[in-house]
């Protein structure tokens, strides 16, 4: 029976949400070809695609990056604990599915504060082998996240903290670097940070147009960041090869990767031993 720090929503108590306003999780679901979206989401998604067609390459590259990263960490690196923050609407090859296909005992905690995702939380808690939990929490509330995650994860042992395509929804005024630092400060040496983030400096003109349209149409604004700004999230950590790169260039299965550059950056880093 999966362990959960937060009970999944009852069918008669699902949170409400406004389907007339585009929502980040539903727009992303639309870009991935999902069905959990509405007219406003599709309209906003199409407007952003028109400004930056490569956005579709980016979101699909991000899902592939998730699969490759979890396989690498659970396989070659022997990680057995994953804290996936900013889960999004469930899609194929979720973190627990990839990790537990390699190591059935892997423990996974998902975190999201999105009412749309909460409705779908049951899908993340069913059909798992190792303990899998879902927490309804905001990324900014690191204390709540760590306290609740500790019911399922042993934070005295290495954990992979997954922050895929979530930090762009945290404005600079909310100190996203401090959020990442606090999360990693509470993990054991040998833990990992896996991170992906939309780029402001890959096809910069298109990125600026796409960001402007997204922020005008979607309920939560985004802040795209430069290569240097994304690299800063990994300060004091040891980056794995090939470092911070376009998402489709991070350890592609064929050693080459898809042509072109996805308009987002990704990297994985290890927390060194103290001293």
C-alpha atoms as a PDB file:
ATOM      1  CA  UNK A   1       0.000   0.000   0.000  1.00  0.00           C
ATOM      2  CA  UNK A   2       1.633   3.314  -0.994  1.00  0.00           C
ATOM      3  CA  UNK A   3       2.524   5.640   1.845  1.00  0.00           C
ATOM      4  CA  UNK A   4       1.251   9.186   1.504  1.00  0.00           C
ATOM      5  CA  UNK A   5       1.816  12.306   3.582  1.00  0.00           C
ATOM      6  CA  UNK A   6      -1.266  13.814   2.002  1.00  0.00           C
ATOM      7  CA  UNK A   7      -4.419  11.899   1.254  1.00  0.00           C
ATOM      8  CA  UNK A   8      -5.394  11.790  -2.416  1.00  0.00           C
ATOM      9  CA  UNK A   9      -8.480  13.823  -3.225  1.00  0.00           C
ATOM     10  CA  UNK A  10     -11.865  12.185  -2.771  1.00  0.00           C
ATOM     11  CA  UNK A  11     -14.024  12.130  -5.844  1.00  0.00           C
ATOM     12  CA  UNK A  12     -16.672  14.176  -4.024  1.00  0.00           C
ATOM     13  CA  UNK A  13     -14.124  16.750  -2.782  1.00  0.00           C
ATOM     14  CA  UNK A  14     -12.043  17.660  -5.822  1.00  0.00           C
ATOM     15  CA  UNK A  15     -10.741  21.243  -5.809  1.00  0.00           C
ATOM     16  CA  UNK A  16     -12.319  23.612  -8.266  1.00  0.00           C
ATOM     17  CA  UNK A  17     -10.499  25.599 -10.906  1.00  0.00           C
ATOM     18  CA  UNK A  18     -11.359  28.114 -13.598  1.00  0.00           C
ATOM     19  CA  UNK A  19     -11.278  26.468 -17.004  1.00  0.00           C
ATOM     20  CA  UNK A  20     -11.770  29.825 -18.751  1.00  0.00           C
ATOM     21  CA  UNK A  21      -8.219  30.946 -17.864  1.00  0.00           C
ATOM     22  CA  UNK A  22      -5.185  29.129 -19.234  1.00  0.00           C
ATOM     23  CA  UNK A  23      -3.267  27.226 -16.579  1.00  0.00           C
ATOM     24  CA  UNK A  24       0.440  26.209 -16.683  1.00  0.00           C
ATOM     25  CA  UNK A  25      -0.125  22.484 -16.056  1.00  0.00           C
ATOM     26  CA  UNK A  26      -2.923  22.251 -18.611  1.00  0.00           C
ATOM     27  CA  UNK A  27      -1.020  24.243 -21.260  1.00  0.00           C
ATOM     28  CA  UNK A  28       1.962  21.948 -20.747  1.00  0.00           C
ATOM     29  CA  UNK A  29      -0.335  18.930 -21.003  1.00  0.00           C
ATOM     30  CA  UNK A  30      -1.645  20.295 -24.318  1.00  0.00           C
ATOM     31  CA  UNK A  31       1.880  20.733 -25.665  1.00  0.00           C
ATOM     32  CA  UNK A  32       2.614  17.116 -24.754  1.00  0.00           C
ATOM     33  CA  UNK A  33      -0.461  15.942 -26.655  1.00  0.00           C
ATOM     34  CA  UNK A  34      -2.479  15.206 -23.513  1.00  0.00           C
ATOM     35  CA  UNK A  35      -6.239  15.412 -23.022  1.00  0.00           C
ATOM     36  CA  UNK A  36      -6.451  17.198 -19.673  1.00  0.00           C
ATOM     37  CA  UNK A  37      -6.831  20.704 -21.064  1.00  0.00           C
ATOM     38  CA  UNK A  38      -9.527  23.154 -22.140  1.00  0.00           C
ATOM     39  CA  UNK A  39     -10.124  25.712 -24.875  1.00  0.00           C
ATOM     40  CA  UNK A  40      -8.316  28.522 -23.034  1.00  0.00           C
ATOM     41  CA  UNK A  41      -5.280  26.301 -22.537  1.00  0.00           C
ATOM     42  CA  UNK A  42      -5.174  25.299 -26.187  1.00  0.00           C
ATOM     43  CA  UNK A  43      -5.570  28.899 -27.338  1.00  0.00           C
ATOM     44  CA  UNK A  44      -2.721  30.075 -25.114  1.00  0.00           C
ATOM     45  CA  UNK A  45      -0.612  27.093 -26.114  1.00  0.00           C
ATOM     46  CA  UNK A  46      -1.125  27.826 -29.807  1.00  0.00           C
ATOM     47  CA  UNK A  47      -0.271  31.511 -29.341  1.00  0.00           C
ATOM     48  CA  UNK A  48       3.033  30.576 -27.688  1.00  0.00           C
ATOM     49  CA  UNK A  49       3.797  27.977 -30.372  1.00  0.00           C
ATOM     50  CA  UNK A  50       3.219  30.618 -33.034  1.00  0.00           C
ATOM     51  CA  UNK A  51       5.807  32.835 -31.332  1.00  0.00           C
ATOM     52  CA  UNK A  52       8.300  30.008 -30.740  1.00  0.00           C
ATOM     53  CA  UNK A  53       7.551  26.748 -32.602  1.00  0.00           C
ATOM     54  CA  UNK A  54      10.520  25.078 -30.886  1.00  0.00           C
ATOM     55  CA  UNK A  55       8.529  25.095 -27.626  1.00  0.00           C
ATOM     56  CA  UNK A  56       7.146  21.695 -28.680  1.00  0.00           C
ATOM     57  CA  UNK A  57      10.667  20.353 -29.113  1.00  0.00           C
ATOM     58  CA  UNK A  58      11.452  21.690 -25.654  1.00  0.00           C
ATOM     59  CA  UNK A  59       8.603  20.100 -23.704  1.00  0.00           C
ATOM     60  CA  UNK A  60       9.109  16.721 -25.368  1.00  0.00           C
ATOM     61  CA  UNK A  61      12.845  16.924 -24.803  1.00  0.00           C
ATOM     62  CA  UNK A  62      12.121  17.605 -21.142  1.00  0.00           C
ATOM     63  CA  UNK A  63      10.097  14.399 -20.766  1.00  0.00           C
ATOM     64  CA  UNK A  64      12.910  12.478 -22.432  1.00  0.00           C
ATOM     65  CA  UNK A  65      15.394  14.163 -20.083  1.00  0.00           C
ATOM     66  CA  UNK A  66      13.329  12.971 -17.108  1.00  0.00           C
ATOM     67  CA  UNK A  67      13.469   9.385 -18.337  1.00  0.00           C
ATOM     68  CA  UNK A  68      17.217   9.477 -19.041  1.00  0.00           C
ATOM     69  CA  UNK A  69      18.025  11.187 -15.754  1.00  0.00           C
ATOM     70  CA  UNK A  70      16.007   8.826 -13.569  1.00  0.00           C
ATOM     71  CA  UNK A  71      17.403   5.820 -15.404  1.00  0.00           C
ATOM     72  CA  UNK A  72      20.941   7.088 -14.911  1.00  0.00           C
ATOM     73  CA  UNK A  73      20.455   7.898 -11.234  1.00  0.00           C
ATOM     74  CA  UNK A  74      18.525   4.746 -10.337  1.00  0.00           C
ATOM     75  CA  UNK A  75      20.709   2.561 -12.539  1.00  0.00           C
ATOM     76  CA  UNK A  76      24.348   3.626 -12.704  1.00  0.00           C
ATOM     77  CA  UNK A  77      24.362   5.819  -9.591  1.00  0.00           C
ATOM     78  CA  UNK A  78      22.280   3.536  -7.348  1.00  0.00           C
ATOM     79  CA  UNK A  79      19.867   6.223  -6.108  1.00  0.00           C
ATOM     80  CA  UNK A  80      16.794   4.769  -4.420  1.00  0.00           C
ATOM     81  CA  UNK A  81      15.000   7.939  -3.302  1.00  0.00           C
ATOM     82  CA  UNK A  82      13.452  10.679  -5.450  1.00  0.00           C
ATOM     83  CA  UNK A  83      11.793  13.962  -4.470  1.00  0.00           C
ATOM     84  CA  UNK A  84       9.980  15.206  -7.585  1.00  0.00           C
ATOM     85  CA  UNK A  85       8.763  18.791  -7.070  1.00  0.00           C
ATOM     86  CA  UNK A  86       6.495  20.366  -9.662  1.00  0.00           C
ATOM     87  CA  UNK A  87       5.087  17.047 -10.780  1.00  0.00           C
ATOM     88  CA  UNK A  88       2.549  18.287 -13.311  1.00  0.00           C
ATOM     89  CA  UNK A  89      -0.303  16.290 -14.779  1.00  0.00           C
ATOM     90  CA  UNK A  90       0.724  12.612 -14.967  1.00  0.00           C
ATOM     91  CA  UNK A  91       2.046  11.513 -18.343  1.00  0.00           C
ATOM     92  CA  UNK A  92       3.847   8.426 -19.581  1.00  0.00           C
ATOM     93  CA  UNK A  93       7.057   7.377 -17.794  1.00  0.00           C
ATOM     94  CA  UNK A  94       6.559   9.209 -14.521  1.00  0.00           C
ATOM     95  CA  UNK A  95       9.474   9.230 -12.082  1.00  0.00           C
ATOM     96  CA  UNK A  96       8.260   6.301  -9.985  1.00  0.00           C
ATOM     97  CA  UNK A  97       7.585   4.186 -13.072  1.00  0.00           C
ATOM     98  CA  UNK A  98      11.092   4.698 -14.450  1.00  0.00           C
ATOM     99  CA  UNK A  99      12.874   4.297 -11.107  1.00  0.00           C
ATOM    100  CA  UNK A 100      10.884   1.256  -9.984  1.00  0.00           C
ATOM    101  CA  UNK A 101      11.325  -0.469 -13.327  1.00  0.00           C
ATOM    102  CA  UNK A 102      15.045  -0.600 -12.456  1.00  0.00           C
ATOM    103  CA  UNK A 103      14.833  -0.851  -8.670  1.00  0.00           C
ATOM    104  CA  UNK A 104      11.341  -1.801  -7.417  1.00  0.00           C
ATOM    105  CA  UNK A 105      12.187  -0.680  -3.881  1.00  0.00           C
ATOM    106  CA  UNK A 106      12.744   2.929  -4.971  1.00  0.00           C
ATOM    107  CA  UNK A 107      10.902   5.518  -2.878  1.00  0.00           C
ATOM    108  CA  UNK A 108       9.313   8.510  -4.602  1.00  0.00           C
ATOM    109  CA  UNK A 109       7.596  11.613  -3.225  1.00  0.00           C
ATOM    110  CA  UNK A 110       5.773  13.887  -5.647  1.00  0.00           C
ATOM    111  CA  UNK A 111       5.072  17.524  -4.736  1.00  0.00           C
ATOM    112  CA  UNK A 112       2.755  20.022  -6.408  1.00  0.00           C
ATOM    113  CA  UNK A 113       0.386  22.737  -5.227  1.00  0.00           C
ATOM    114  CA  UNK A 114      -1.641  22.811  -8.402  1.00  0.00           C
ATOM    115  CA  UNK A 115      -5.372  21.978  -7.991  1.00  0.00           C
ATOM    116  CA  UNK A 116      -5.394  20.503 -11.490  1.00  0.00           C
ATOM    117  CA  UNK A 117      -2.578  18.121 -10.591  1.00  0.00           C
ATOM    118  CA  UNK A 118      -4.217  17.306  -7.252  1.00  0.00           C
ATOM    119  CA  UNK A 119      -7.241  15.984  -9.122  1.00  0.00           C
ATOM    120  CA  UNK A 120      -4.929  13.543 -10.897  1.00  0.00           C
ATOM    121  CA  UNK A 121      -2.870  12.608  -7.833  1.00  0.00           C
ATOM    122  CA  UNK A 122      -4.467   9.160  -7.640  1.00  0.00           C
ATOM    123  CA  UNK A 123      -2.744   8.244 -10.905  1.00  0.00           C
ATOM    124  CA  UNK A 124       0.620   8.881  -9.248  1.00  0.00           C
ATOM    125  CA  UNK A 125      -0.232   6.790  -6.202  1.00  0.00           C
ATOM    126  CA  UNK A 126      -1.616   3.706  -7.909  1.00  0.00           C
ATOM    127  CA  UNK A 127       0.197   0.711  -9.372  1.00  0.00           C
ATOM    128  CA  UNK A 128       3.488   1.365  -7.583  1.00  0.00           C
ATOM    129  CA  UNK A 129       5.892  -1.121  -6.030  1.00  0.00           C
ATOM    130  CA  UNK A 130       8.051   0.868  -3.646  1.00  0.00           C
ATOM    131  CA  UNK A 131       6.549   3.528  -1.337  1.00  0.00           C
ATOM    132  CA  UNK A 132       5.178   6.436  -3.377  1.00  0.00           C
ATOM    133  CA  UNK A 133       3.560   9.540  -1.899  1.00  0.00           C
ATOM    134  CA  UNK A 134       1.982  12.799  -3.069  1.00  0.00           C
ATOM    135  CA  UNK A 135       2.259  16.072  -1.172  1.00  0.00           C
ATOM    136  CA  UNK A 136       0.132  19.146  -1.831  1.00  0.00           C
ATOM    137  CA  UNK A 137       2.622  21.949  -1.187  1.00  0.00           C
ATOM    138  CA  UNK A 138       4.151  25.056  -2.759  1.00  0.00           C
ATOM    139  CA  UNK A 139       7.790  24.873  -3.822  1.00  0.00           C
ATOM    140  CA  UNK A 140       8.438  27.998  -1.772  1.00  0.00           C
ATOM    141  CA  UNK A 141       7.507  26.171   1.443  1.00  0.00           C
ATOM    142  CA  UNK A 142      10.656  24.089   1.659  1.00  0.00           C
ATOM    143  CA  UNK A 143      10.198  23.365   5.360  1.00  0.00           C
ATOM    144  CA  UNK A 144       6.787  21.801   4.823  1.00  0.00           C
ATOM    145  CA  UNK A 145       8.057  19.791   1.869  1.00  0.00           C
ATOM    146  CA  UNK A 146      11.060  18.376   3.700  1.00  0.00           C
ATOM    147  CA  UNK A 147       9.114  17.565   6.863  1.00  0.00           C
ATOM    148  CA  UNK A 148       6.386  15.707   4.968  1.00  0.00           C
ATOM    149  CA  UNK A 149       8.814  14.011   2.567  1.00  0.00           C
ATOM    150  CA  UNK A 150      10.694  12.592   5.559  1.00  0.00           C
ATOM    151  CA  UNK A 151       7.681  10.351   6.270  1.00  0.00           C
ATOM    152  CA  UNK A 152       8.523   8.407   3.125  1.00  0.00           C
ATOM    153  CA  UNK A 153      12.179   9.233   2.417  1.00  0.00           C
ATOM    154  CA  UNK A 154      15.207   8.821   4.667  1.00  0.00           C
ATOM    155  CA  UNK A 155      16.852  12.230   4.325  1.00  0.00           C
ATOM    156  CA  UNK A 156      20.001  10.958   6.032  1.00  0.00           C
ATOM    157  CA  UNK A 157      20.646   8.984   2.846  1.00  0.00           C
ATOM    158  CA  UNK A 158      21.093  10.299  -0.736  1.00  0.00           C
ATOM    159  CA  UNK A 159      18.017  11.676  -2.478  1.00  0.00           C
ATOM    160  CA  UNK A 160      17.557  12.885  -6.051  1.00  0.00           C
ATOM    161  CA  UNK A 161      15.775  16.246  -5.970  1.00  0.00           C
ATOM    162  CA  UNK A 162      13.950  16.706  -9.288  1.00  0.00           C
ATOM    163  CA  UNK A 163      13.091  20.294 -10.296  1.00  0.00           C
ATOM    164  CA  UNK A 164      12.077  19.911 -13.927  1.00  0.00           C
ATOM    165  CA  UNK A 165      10.478  22.901 -15.636  1.00  0.00           C
ATOM    166  CA  UNK A 166       9.218  24.423 -12.396  1.00  0.00           C
ATOM    167  CA  UNK A 167      11.660  27.150 -11.340  1.00  0.00           C
ATOM    168  CA  UNK A 168      10.645  29.456 -14.191  1.00  0.00           C
ATOM    169  CA  UNK A 169       7.318  29.818 -12.348  1.00  0.00           C
ATOM    170  CA  UNK A 170       9.188  31.290  -9.356  1.00  0.00           C
ATOM    171  CA  UNK A 171       9.998  34.985  -9.917  1.00  0.00           C
ATOM    172  CA  UNK A 172      13.311  36.457  -8.852  1.00  0.00           C
ATOM    173  CA  UNK A 173      11.506  38.292  -6.047  1.00  0.00           C
ATOM    174  CA  UNK A 174      10.771  34.922  -4.406  1.00  0.00           C
ATOM    175  CA  UNK A 175      14.478  33.946  -4.402  1.00  0.00           C
ATOM    176  CA  UNK A 176      14.496  30.743  -6.461  1.00  0.00           C
ATOM    177  CA  UNK A 177      18.208  30.254  -5.735  1.00  0.00           C
ATOM    178  CA  UNK A 178      17.532  30.313  -2.009  1.00  0.00           C
ATOM    179  CA  UNK A 179      14.785  27.718  -2.467  1.00  0.00           C
ATOM    180  CA  UNK A 180      17.163  25.331  -4.224  1.00  0.00           C
ATOM    181  CA  UNK A 181      19.897  25.965  -1.679  1.00  0.00           C
ATOM    182  CA  UNK A 182      17.569  25.227   1.259  1.00  0.00           C
ATOM    183  CA  UNK A 183      16.397  21.988  -0.329  1.00  0.00           C
ATOM    184  CA  UNK A 184      19.906  20.763  -1.010  1.00  0.00           C
ATOM    185  CA  UNK A 185      21.218  21.890   2.397  1.00  0.00           C
ATOM    186  CA  UNK A 186      18.840  19.405   4.033  1.00  0.00           C
ATOM    187  CA  UNK A 187      19.832  16.440   1.874  1.00  0.00           C
ATOM    188  CA  UNK A 188      22.679  14.037   2.577  1.00  0.00           C
ATOM    189  CA  UNK A 189      26.057  14.155   0.857  1.00  0.00           C
ATOM    190  CA  UNK A 190      25.815  12.130  -2.327  1.00  0.00           C
ATOM    191  CA  UNK A 191      22.362  13.510  -3.131  1.00  0.00           C
ATOM    192  CA  UNK A 192      21.617  14.856  -6.608  1.00  0.00           C
ATOM    193  CA  UNK A 193      19.897  17.876  -8.104  1.00  0.00           C
ATOM    194  CA  UNK A 194      18.278  17.354 -11.516  1.00  0.00           C
ATOM    195  CA  UNK A 195      16.998  20.579 -13.026  1.00  0.00           C
ATOM    196  CA  UNK A 196      15.596  21.855 -16.307  1.00  0.00           C
ATOM    197  CA  UNK A 197      14.580  25.417 -17.125  1.00  0.00           C
ATOM    198  CA  UNK A 198      13.326  27.421 -20.146  1.00  0.00           C
ATOM    199  CA  UNK A 199      16.056  29.537 -21.728  1.00  0.00           C
ATOM    200  CA  UNK A 200      15.825  33.244 -22.448  1.00  0.00           C
ATOM    201  CA  UNK A 201      18.986  33.239 -24.575  1.00  0.00           C
ATOM    202  CA  UNK A 202      18.349  30.363 -26.986  1.00  0.00           C
ATOM    203  CA  UNK A 203      16.677  31.999 -30.001  1.00  0.00           C
ATOM    204  CA  UNK A 204      16.305  35.050 -27.774  1.00  0.00           C
ATOM    205  CA  UNK A 205      13.869  37.040 -29.929  1.00  0.00           C
ATOM    206  CA  UNK A 206      11.436  34.139 -30.218  1.00  0.00           C
ATOM    207  CA  UNK A 207      11.861  33.378 -26.518  1.00  0.00           C
ATOM    208  CA  UNK A 208      10.975  36.969 -25.619  1.00  0.00           C
ATOM    209  CA  UNK A 209       7.862  36.926 -27.829  1.00  0.00           C
ATOM    210  CA  UNK A 210       6.767  33.567 -26.440  1.00  0.00           C
ATOM    211  CA  UNK A 211       7.261  34.726 -22.857  1.00  0.00           C
ATOM    212  CA  UNK A 212       5.255  37.880 -23.489  1.00  0.00           C
ATOM    213  CA  UNK A 213       2.351  35.908 -24.931  1.00  0.00           C
ATOM    214  CA  UNK A 214       2.503  33.272 -22.198  1.00  0.00           C
ATOM    215  CA  UNK A 215       2.460  35.876 -19.437  1.00  0.00           C
ATOM    216  CA  UNK A 216      -0.467  37.680 -21.032  1.00  0.00           C
ATOM    217  CA  UNK A 217      -2.594  34.528 -21.328  1.00  0.00           C
ATOM    218  CA  UNK A 218      -1.614  32.070 -18.587  1.00  0.00           C
ATOM    219  CA  UNK A 219      -2.574  32.368 -14.913  1.00  0.00           C
ATOM    220  CA  UNK A 220       1.002  32.101 -13.572  1.00  0.00           C
ATOM    221  CA  UNK A 221       3.711  34.175 -15.227  1.00  0.00           C
ATOM    222  CA  UNK A 222       7.040  32.658 -16.164  1.00  0.00           C
ATOM    223  CA  UNK A 223      10.596  33.970 -15.869  1.00  0.00           C
ATOM    224  CA  UNK A 224      12.939  32.477 -18.428  1.00  0.00           C
ATOM    225  CA  UNK A 225      16.616  32.619 -17.552  1.00  0.00           C
ATOM    226  CA  UNK A 226      19.985  32.746 -19.294  1.00  0.00           C
ATOM    227  CA  UNK A 227      22.608  30.019 -19.358  1.00  0.00           C
ATOM    228  CA  UNK A 228      24.593  31.744 -16.605  1.00  0.00           C
ATOM    229  CA  UNK A 229      21.501  32.157 -14.459  1.00  0.00           C
ATOM    230  CA  UNK A 230      20.586  28.480 -14.801  1.00  0.00           C
ATOM    231  CA  UNK A 231      24.161  27.410 -14.009  1.00  0.00           C
ATOM    232  CA  UNK A 232      23.915  29.389 -10.771  1.00  0.00           C
ATOM    233  CA  UNK A 233      21.358  26.900  -9.415  1.00  0.00           C
ATOM    234  CA  UNK A 234      24.172  24.358  -9.263  1.00  0.00           C
ATOM    235  CA  UNK A 235      26.531  26.486  -7.155  1.00  0.00           C
ATOM    236  CA  UNK A 236      28.466  24.375  -4.593  1.00  0.00           C
ATOM    237  CA  UNK A 237      27.414  21.141  -6.359  1.00  0.00           C
ATOM    238  CA  UNK A 238      29.490  18.929  -8.655  1.00  0.00           C
ATOM    239  CA  UNK A 239      27.994  18.921 -12.133  1.00  0.00           C
ATOM    240  CA  UNK A 240      27.907  15.615 -13.978  1.00  0.00           C
ATOM    241  CA  UNK A 241      29.095  15.577 -17.570  1.00  0.00           C
ATOM    242  CA  UNK A 242      28.199  17.193 -19.923  1.00  0.00           C
ATOM    243  CA  UNK A 243      27.303  20.024 -17.530  1.00  0.00           C
ATOM    244  CA  UNK A 244      24.450  22.427 -18.239  1.00  0.00           C
ATOM    245  CA  UNK A 245      23.348  21.999 -21.844  1.00  0.00           C
ATOM    246  CA  UNK A 246      20.247  22.196 -24.023  1.00  0.00           C
ATOM    247  CA  UNK A 247      17.910  19.530 -22.676  1.00  0.00           C
ATOM    248  CA  UNK A 248      18.093  17.286 -25.723  1.00  0.00           C
ATOM    249  CA  UNK A 249      21.907  17.310 -25.468  1.00  0.00           C
ATOM    250  CA  UNK A 250      22.092  15.891 -21.928  1.00  0.00           C
ATOM    251  CA  UNK A 251      23.409  12.333 -22.334  1.00  0.00           C
ATOM    252  CA  UNK A 252      21.205  11.408 -25.310  1.00  0.00           C
ATOM    253  CA  UNK A 253      20.598   7.688 -25.703  1.00  0.00           C
ATOM    254  CA  UNK A 254      22.351   7.610 -29.075  1.00  0.00           C
ATOM    255  CA  UNK A 255      25.234   9.782 -27.918  1.00  0.00           C
ATOM    256  CA  UNK A 256      24.281  12.468 -30.437  1.00  0.00           C
ATOM    257  CA  UNK A 257      20.819  13.778 -29.558  1.00  0.00           C
ATOM    258  CA  UNK A 258      18.105  15.185 -31.743  1.00  0.00           C
ATOM    259  CA  UNK A 259      19.087  17.903 -34.228  1.00  0.00           C
ATOM    260  CA  UNK A 260      18.910  21.513 -33.145  1.00  0.00           C
ATOM    261  CA  UNK A 261      18.676  22.814 -29.615  1.00  0.00           C
ATOM    262  CA  UNK A 262      15.663  22.536 -27.353  1.00  0.00           C
ATOM    263  CA  UNK A 263      14.913  26.036 -25.973  1.00  0.00           C
ATOM    264  CA  UNK A 264      15.647  25.012 -22.391  1.00  0.00           C
ATOM    265  CA  UNK A 265      18.657  24.048 -20.299  1.00  0.00           C
ATOM    266  CA  UNK A 266      19.199  21.006 -18.125  1.00  0.00           C
ATOM    267  CA  UNK A 267      21.806  19.592 -15.816  1.00  0.00           C
ATOM    268  CA  UNK A 268      22.397  17.100 -13.018  1.00  0.00           C
ATOM    269  CA  UNK A 269      24.776  17.652 -10.116  1.00  0.00           C
ATOM    270  CA  UNK A 270      25.931  15.747  -7.035  1.00  0.00           C
ATOM    271  CA  UNK A 271      26.203  17.159  -3.523  1.00  0.00           C
ATOM    272  CA  UNK A 272      29.777  16.643  -2.319  1.00  0.00           C
ATOM    273  CA  UNK A 273      30.803  15.588   1.167  1.00  0.00           C
ATOM    274  CA  UNK A 274      31.222  18.457   3.605  1.00  0.00           C
ATOM    275  CA  UNK A 275      34.684  19.938   3.925  1.00  0.00           C
END
